[in-house]
Protein backbone atom coordinates (compact mmCIF):
# COMPACT_ATOMS: atom_id res chain seq x y z
CA MET A 1 35.45 -8.59 -2.53
CA ARG A 2 34.71 -5.01 -3.65
CA ILE A 3 31.04 -4.11 -3.99
CA MET A 4 29.57 -0.91 -5.36
CA GLN A 5 26.05 0.17 -4.29
CA LEU A 6 24.68 2.28 -7.11
CA LEU A 7 21.60 4.51 -7.05
CA GLY A 8 20.09 7.50 -8.77
CA SER A 9 18.07 10.40 -7.40
CA SER A 10 16.07 9.33 -4.37
CA ALA A 11 13.31 10.93 -2.32
CA GLY A 12 14.45 9.10 0.80
CA GLY A 13 13.41 5.48 1.16
CA VAL A 14 15.87 3.97 -1.35
CA SER A 15 18.82 6.07 -0.10
CA GLN A 16 18.03 5.10 3.50
CA HIS A 17 18.03 1.43 2.55
CA VAL A 18 21.31 1.73 0.66
CA ALA A 19 22.87 3.55 3.66
CA GLN A 20 21.71 0.65 5.86
CA VAL A 21 23.11 -1.99 3.44
CA ALA A 22 26.44 -0.12 3.10
CA ARG A 23 26.87 0.02 6.86
CA LEU A 24 26.11 -3.66 7.26
CA LEU A 25 28.47 -4.74 4.46
CA ASP A 26 31.21 -2.37 5.49
CA ASP A 27 31.34 -4.07 8.91
CA ALA A 28 31.52 -7.56 7.36
CA PRO A 29 34.94 -9.21 7.10
CA GLY A 30 36.37 -9.52 3.56
CA LEU A 31 34.12 -6.95 1.97
CA GLU A 32 34.87 -3.44 0.76
CA VAL A 33 31.97 -1.16 -0.06
CA ILE A 34 31.65 1.90 -2.28
CA VAL A 35 28.47 3.88 -2.75
CA ALA A 36 27.91 5.77 -5.98
CA SER A 37 25.07 8.26 -6.11
CA PRO A 38 24.15 11.83 -7.10
CA GLY A 39 26.16 14.38 -5.20
CA ASN A 40 23.24 15.73 -3.23
CA LEU A 41 23.00 12.33 -1.44
CA ALA A 42 26.72 12.14 -0.54
CA GLU A 43 26.29 13.19 3.08
CA LYS A 44 24.07 10.15 3.70
CA PHE A 45 26.89 7.80 2.85
CA SER A 46 30.23 9.48 3.33
CA PRO A 47 30.27 8.96 7.13
CA ILE A 48 29.52 5.26 6.52
CA THR A 49 31.74 4.27 3.65
CA GLN A 50 33.52 5.50 0.51
CA HIS A 51 31.38 7.60 -1.79
CA ARG A 52 31.69 8.40 -5.49
CA THR A 53 29.50 10.81 -7.39
CA VAL A 54 27.48 9.77 -10.42
CA GLU A 55 24.54 11.95 -11.50
CA ILE A 56 21.86 9.43 -12.49
CA THR A 57 18.69 11.43 -12.88
CA ASP A 58 15.13 10.09 -12.56
CA ARG A 59 14.49 10.25 -16.31
CA PRO A 60 16.51 10.03 -19.53
CA SER A 61 18.58 13.10 -20.39
CA LEU A 62 21.28 14.35 -22.75
CA GLY A 63 23.76 13.71 -19.94
CA ASP A 64 23.22 9.91 -19.93
CA ALA A 65 26.23 9.25 -22.22
CA ARG A 66 28.49 10.97 -19.72
CA VAL A 67 26.89 8.99 -16.88
CA LEU A 68 27.52 5.69 -18.67
CA GLY A 69 31.20 6.62 -19.08
CA ARG A 70 31.33 7.54 -15.38
CA ILE A 71 29.85 4.17 -14.33
CA LYS A 72 32.41 2.28 -16.51
CA GLN A 73 35.18 4.29 -14.81
CA LEU A 74 33.92 3.54 -11.31
CA VAL A 75 33.46 -0.22 -11.80
CA ALA A 76 36.91 -0.88 -13.26
CA ASP A 77 38.12 -2.58 -10.09
CA VAL A 78 34.77 -3.74 -8.65
CA ASP A 79 33.60 -7.34 -8.26
CA VAL A 80 29.88 -6.74 -7.87
CA VAL A 81 27.67 -3.74 -8.80
CA HIS A 82 24.40 -3.63 -6.88
CA ALA A 83 22.11 -1.08 -8.52
CA HIS A 84 18.96 0.10 -6.74
CA GLY A 85 16.04 1.19 -8.83
CA LEU A 86 14.96 0.50 -12.39
CA ARG A 87 16.76 3.50 -13.91
CA ALA A 88 20.05 2.90 -12.09
CA GLY A 89 19.82 -0.81 -12.92
CA ALA A 90 19.29 -0.17 -16.64
CA MET A 91 22.09 2.40 -16.77
CA ALA A 92 24.46 -0.06 -15.07
CA GLY A 93 23.32 -2.84 -17.44
CA ILE A 94 24.12 -0.71 -20.51
CA ALA A 95 27.52 0.42 -19.12
CA LEU A 96 28.61 -3.06 -18.12
CA GLY A 97 27.33 -4.53 -21.35
CA SER A 98 29.86 -2.51 -23.31
CA MET A 99 32.75 -3.91 -21.30
CA ALA A 100 34.75 -7.05 -22.11
CA ARG A 101 33.37 -10.06 -20.28
CA SER A 102 36.72 -10.71 -18.60
CA HIS A 103 36.64 -7.27 -16.93
CA ARG A 104 32.89 -7.04 -16.28
CA PRO A 105 31.69 -7.17 -12.69
CA LYS A 106 28.52 -9.06 -11.79
CA LEU A 107 25.34 -6.98 -11.70
CA VAL A 108 22.60 -7.24 -9.08
CA VAL A 109 19.53 -5.00 -9.37
CA THR A 110 16.98 -4.34 -6.64
CA LEU A 111 13.64 -2.91 -7.84
CA HIS A 112 12.04 -0.70 -5.18
CA ASN A 113 8.94 0.68 -6.87
CA LEU A 114 6.12 -0.30 -9.22
CA PRO A 115 6.33 2.02 -12.23
CA VAL A 116 3.19 4.09 -12.63
CA GLY A 117 2.27 7.00 -14.91
CA SER A 118 1.30 7.89 -18.42
CA PHE A 119 1.56 5.73 -21.56
CA LYS A 120 4.90 7.42 -22.34
CA VAL A 121 6.23 6.63 -18.87
CA GLN A 122 5.07 3.01 -19.20
CA SER A 123 6.66 2.67 -22.60
CA VAL A 124 10.05 3.87 -21.22
CA THR A 125 9.57 1.50 -18.25
CA GLN A 126 9.12 -1.49 -20.56
CA VAL A 127 12.40 -0.67 -22.27
CA LEU A 128 14.29 -0.31 -18.98
CA GLU A 129 12.82 -3.50 -17.62
CA ARG A 130 13.93 -5.40 -20.70
CA ILE A 131 17.49 -4.07 -20.28
CA VAL A 132 17.58 -5.16 -16.65
CA ALA A 133 16.13 -8.55 -17.46
CA LEU A 134 18.73 -9.09 -20.17
CA ARG A 135 21.78 -7.71 -18.40
CA ALA A 136 21.40 -8.33 -14.65
CA ASP A 137 22.95 -11.46 -13.10
CA ALA A 138 20.38 -11.32 -10.29
CA VAL A 139 17.20 -9.28 -9.80
CA LEU A 140 15.56 -8.68 -6.43
CA GLY A 141 12.21 -7.05 -5.77
CA VAL A 142 10.90 -5.50 -2.56
CA SER A 143 7.50 -7.14 -3.10
CA SER A 144 6.28 -10.31 -4.76
CA ASP A 145 4.45 -8.41 -7.52
CA LEU A 146 7.75 -6.86 -8.62
CA VAL A 147 9.42 -10.26 -8.49
CA ASP A 148 6.62 -11.83 -10.62
CA ARG A 149 6.76 -8.92 -13.05
CA MET A 150 10.48 -9.47 -13.72
CA ARG A 151 10.13 -13.23 -13.77
CA ALA A 152 7.62 -12.85 -16.57
CA LYS A 153 10.33 -10.96 -18.50
CA ARG A 154 12.70 -13.87 -18.00
CA ALA A 155 15.02 -12.03 -15.67
CA LYS A 156 17.40 -13.99 -13.44
CA VAL A 157 15.18 -13.46 -10.41
CA HIS A 158 16.75 -14.13 -7.03
CA GLY A 159 13.67 -13.31 -4.89
CA ARG A 160 12.51 -10.61 -2.49
CA ALA A 161 14.89 -8.00 -1.15
CA LEU A 162 14.74 -7.57 2.66
CA VAL A 163 14.09 -3.96 3.73
CA PRO A 164 13.84 -3.82 7.54
CA ALA A 165 12.83 -0.54 9.22
CA PRO A 166 15.41 0.97 11.59
CA THR A 167 14.85 0.28 15.22
CA LEU A 168 12.60 2.93 16.87
CA ARG A 169 13.66 4.46 20.12
CA GLU A 170 11.36 4.41 23.16
CA PRO A 171 8.89 7.33 23.46
CA HIS A 172 10.19 10.25 25.49
CA CYS A 173 6.80 11.22 26.89
CA THR A 174 3.58 9.45 27.83
CA ARG A 175 0.63 8.68 25.59
CA ASP A 176 -1.53 11.21 27.49
CA GLN A 177 1.08 13.96 27.14
CA THR A 178 1.27 13.51 23.35
CA ARG A 179 -2.48 13.40 23.03
CA ARG A 180 -2.88 16.59 24.99
CA GLN A 181 -0.26 18.31 22.78
CA LEU A 182 -2.23 17.37 19.64
CA LEU A 183 -5.85 17.39 20.90
CA GLY A 184 -5.86 19.92 23.70
CA GLU A 185 -8.88 19.81 25.93
CA SER A 186 -10.66 17.30 23.70
CA ALA A 187 -8.01 14.58 24.28
CA ALA A 188 -10.36 12.40 26.32
CA GLN A 189 -13.15 12.12 23.76
CA THR A 190 -11.44 12.62 20.37
CA LYS A 191 -9.97 9.64 18.57
CA LEU A 192 -6.49 10.05 17.11
CA VAL A 193 -5.78 8.68 13.64
CA LEU A 194 -2.19 8.68 12.40
CA THR A 195 -0.62 8.39 8.96
CA VAL A 196 3.14 8.53 8.52
CA ALA A 197 3.90 9.15 4.87
CA ARG A 198 5.71 11.28 2.36
CA LEU A 199 3.28 13.77 0.80
CA ALA A 200 3.46 12.28 -2.65
CA PRO A 201 0.95 10.78 -5.13
CA GLN A 202 1.89 7.17 -4.30
CA LYS A 203 0.76 7.59 -0.68
CA GLY A 204 -2.95 8.03 -1.45
CA LEU A 205 -3.52 10.88 0.98
CA ASP A 206 -6.46 12.23 -1.03
CA THR A 207 -8.32 9.02 0.02
CA ALA A 208 -7.41 9.71 3.64
CA ILE A 209 -8.97 13.17 3.40
CA GLU A 210 -12.16 11.73 1.86
CA ALA A 211 -12.32 9.06 4.53
CA SER A 212 -12.02 11.76 7.27
CA VAL A 213 -14.99 13.66 5.71
CA LEU A 214 -17.01 10.47 5.81
CA LEU A 215 -16.05 9.86 9.44
CA ASN A 216 -17.27 13.39 10.27
CA ALA A 217 -20.55 12.69 8.56
CA ALA A 218 -20.95 9.50 10.63
CA GLY A 219 -20.46 11.45 13.80
CA VAL A 220 -17.05 9.94 14.70
CA GLU A 221 -15.12 12.64 16.57
CA HIS A 222 -11.52 12.33 15.44
CA LEU A 223 -8.36 14.13 14.40
CA TRP A 224 -6.38 12.58 11.53
CA VAL A 225 -2.74 13.68 11.73
CA VAL A 226 -0.31 13.15 8.88
CA ALA A 227 3.43 13.16 9.70
CA GLY A 228 5.68 13.82 6.71
CA ASP A 229 6.60 16.32 4.07
CA GLY A 230 6.70 16.28 0.29
CA PRO A 231 5.69 18.02 -2.95
CA LEU A 232 1.93 17.78 -2.41
CA ALA A 233 1.95 19.53 0.99
CA SER A 234 0.19 22.78 0.10
CA GLY A 235 -2.32 21.16 -2.25
CA LEU A 236 -3.32 18.52 0.30
CA GLU A 237 -3.76 21.09 3.06
CA GLU A 238 -5.94 23.21 0.84
CA ARG A 239 -8.04 20.16 -0.22
CA ALA A 240 -8.53 19.13 3.40
CA ALA A 241 -9.65 22.57 4.44
CA GLN A 242 -12.09 22.93 1.54
CA ALA A 243 -13.59 19.50 2.21
CA GLY A 244 -13.94 20.15 5.94
CA ALA A 245 -11.85 17.09 6.82
CA ALA A 246 -10.49 16.71 10.32
CA VAL A 247 -6.99 16.27 8.93
CA ARG A 248 -3.91 18.12 10.21
CA PHE A 249 -0.64 18.00 8.36
CA LEU A 250 2.26 18.04 10.90
CA GLY A 251 5.12 18.20 8.47
CA ARG A 252 8.33 16.25 8.97
CA ARG A 253 8.55 14.96 12.54
CA THR A 254 11.17 13.52 14.83
CA ASP A 255 8.66 12.20 17.38
CA ILE A 256 7.27 9.20 15.43
CA PRO A 257 7.54 6.91 18.50
CA GLU A 258 5.43 9.34 20.56
CA LEU A 259 2.83 9.67 17.73
CA LEU A 260 2.60 5.88 17.31
CA ASN A 261 2.18 5.46 21.07
CA ALA A 262 -0.62 8.06 21.20
CA ALA A 263 -2.65 6.95 18.14
CA ASP A 264 -5.83 4.95 18.35
CA VAL A 265 -5.29 3.63 14.81
CA VAL A 266 -2.48 3.92 12.24
CA VAL A 267 -3.59 4.15 8.59
CA ASN A 268 -1.55 3.50 5.48
CA ALA A 269 -3.54 4.79 2.43
CA ALA A 270 -0.91 4.14 -0.31
CA VAL A 271 -1.79 3.10 -3.85
CA TRP A 272 1.38 0.92 -3.82
CA GLU A 273 4.02 -0.07 -1.33
CA GLY A 274 6.99 -2.41 -1.26
CA GLN A 275 7.88 -3.28 2.37
CA PRO A 276 6.56 -0.13 3.97
CA VAL A 277 8.76 1.14 6.75
CA ALA A 278 5.84 3.02 8.39
CA VAL A 279 3.84 -0.17 8.62
CA GLN A 280 6.85 -2.01 10.16
CA GLU A 281 7.22 0.80 12.70
CA ALA A 282 3.53 0.59 13.56
CA LEU A 283 3.82 -3.15 14.04
CA ARG A 284 6.74 -2.74 16.38
CA ALA A 285 4.81 -0.15 18.37
CA GLY A 286 1.91 -2.65 18.73
CA ALA A 287 -0.48 -0.34 16.96
CA ALA A 288 -3.89 -1.15 15.42
CA ILE A 289 -3.41 -0.81 11.65
CA VAL A 290 -5.68 -0.17 8.69
CA ALA A 291 -3.92 -0.43 5.33
CA THR A 292 -4.59 -0.64 1.61
CA ASP A 293 -3.99 -4.13 0.25
CA VAL A 294 -1.32 -3.17 -2.29
CA GLY A 295 2.11 -4.36 -3.32
CA GLY A 296 3.97 -5.96 -0.41
CA THR A 297 1.87 -4.46 2.42
CA ARG A 298 0.10 -7.73 3.27
CA GLU A 299 3.40 -9.59 3.04
CA THR A 300 4.70 -7.14 5.65
CA ALA A 301 1.77 -6.93 8.04
CA GLY A 302 0.23 -10.39 7.63
CA ASP A 303 -2.93 -10.76 9.74
CA ALA A 304 -2.08 -7.70 11.86
CA ALA A 305 -4.06 -5.19 9.82
CA LEU A 306 -7.53 -4.51 8.43
CA TYR A 307 -7.08 -4.31 4.67
CA VAL A 308 -9.07 -2.12 2.28
CA GLN A 309 -9.02 -1.52 -1.45
CA ALA A 310 -6.75 1.32 -2.60
CA SER A 311 -8.44 4.64 -3.39
CA ASN A 312 -11.72 3.47 -1.77
CA ALA A 313 -12.56 6.14 0.84
CA GLU A 314 -15.83 4.48 1.89
CA ALA A 315 -14.04 1.18 2.67
CA MET A 316 -11.35 3.03 4.54
CA LYS A 317 -13.89 4.97 6.60
CA VAL A 318 -15.65 1.73 7.55
CA ALA A 319 -12.43 -0.01 8.63
CA VAL A 320 -11.18 2.96 10.63
CA GLU A 321 -14.55 3.47 12.25
CA GLN A 322 -14.61 -0.24 13.23
CA VAL A 323 -11.26 0.15 15.00
CA LEU A 324 -12.23 3.35 16.73
CA THR A 325 -15.62 2.14 17.99
CA VAL A 326 -15.14 -1.58 18.66
CA ASP A 327 -12.62 -2.16 21.46
CA GLN A 328 -12.37 -5.89 20.65
CA VAL A 329 -11.27 -5.13 17.07
CA LYS A 330 -8.69 -2.59 18.25
CA THR A 331 -7.13 -4.80 20.93
CA GLY A 332 -7.09 -7.80 18.62
CA LEU A 333 -5.15 -5.90 16.03
CA GLN A 334 -2.74 -4.56 18.66
CA LYS A 335 -1.98 -8.06 19.94
CA ARG A 336 -1.46 -9.38 16.36
CA ALA A 337 0.82 -6.40 15.58
CA THR A 338 3.11 -7.20 18.51
CA LYS A 339 3.25 -10.87 17.46
CA ARG A 340 3.84 -9.99 13.79
CA SER A 341 6.64 -7.58 14.64
CA GLN A 342 8.72 -10.56 15.80
CA GLN A 343 8.63 -11.94 12.28
CA LEU A 344 9.86 -8.84 10.46
CA PRO A 345 13.23 -9.04 8.69
CA THR A 346 16.32 -8.13 10.70
CA GLU A 347 19.56 -6.51 9.68
CA SER A 348 21.43 -9.73 10.28
CA GLU A 349 19.13 -11.45 7.79
CA VAL A 350 19.81 -8.68 5.25
CA LEU A 351 23.55 -9.13 5.64
CA GLU A 352 23.36 -12.92 5.34
CA SER A 353 21.12 -12.80 2.27
CA LEU A 354 23.30 -10.29 0.41
CA THR A 355 26.63 -11.88 1.20
CA THR A 356 25.29 -15.26 0.13
CA LEU A 357 24.07 -13.75 -3.12
CA TYR A 358 27.32 -11.86 -3.88
CA GLN A 359 29.48 -14.91 -3.12
CA GLY A 360 27.24 -17.12 -5.21
CA LEU A 361 27.79 -14.87 -8.22
């Protein structure tokens, strides 16, 4: 069976998942995998499996007709097309819909994000969702709200996609060493709050900054470090400085295991998530977690987090302060995180679910 994984422009999470899926499928007997993506993502896949270039952009453009022709060319000898993302799914649906049924591969679409934005963006989204609902042979969503959304549009919903976080390595240095690197002489008395996130609007980092200001006002001595890069970097740094927040932006880091080991609490402030990798990593590290109750976050963390409303800085401050000042709350969350981590999806479960789906089609 020949399977093509198709995706458009990606900031990281979707392409990482597709690379994971491609590796798993490529090792499975009887399957041949091709990944088709924009050229700037090729290096993520070419060491793993065959790669073909197709320039699907993140919004409609004059080049879409050429892209549709390219997709038809690529799927000529493919059994299943698995498109990732609403835009790639709709483009695949249009391209395959113009082919004769006898030569048309089956189409699976995984939706990775909840569409947000202006009225114009929402209008385009509605059109793309209708195309996917009409043309896809199976639709997966990374969270139940996405699944329910497509079910309401009468799509052939197959269920939730499994998106396990890669296995984290063991920390290379001790908790105290990492804390001293970040906190200096104040390591003993200063609480360390950690957020691992791309610096993008979806991640709600303005709320984290406001919560830090409120913690300062309450006399909670802390440093809130944010590991990640993204388009909002300079604006967030300026906002934190102007507000007097105890927030330090670390940029992209390779020492996430060390940071998780050193943190007193890990906070996810996002306005929407699917199956957040950062939360899965925190669970596996046995961390105390505070998270916004959005998308699939509760489905991921279960009872191993304190949940707050998205964009509510006061609620976030209260929850973080509770973890930092009440040892029983912190240790309870840590124990539940370790237990919950044993229930997270595994790569073997991903492989089994996808091969069963493809063969069923």
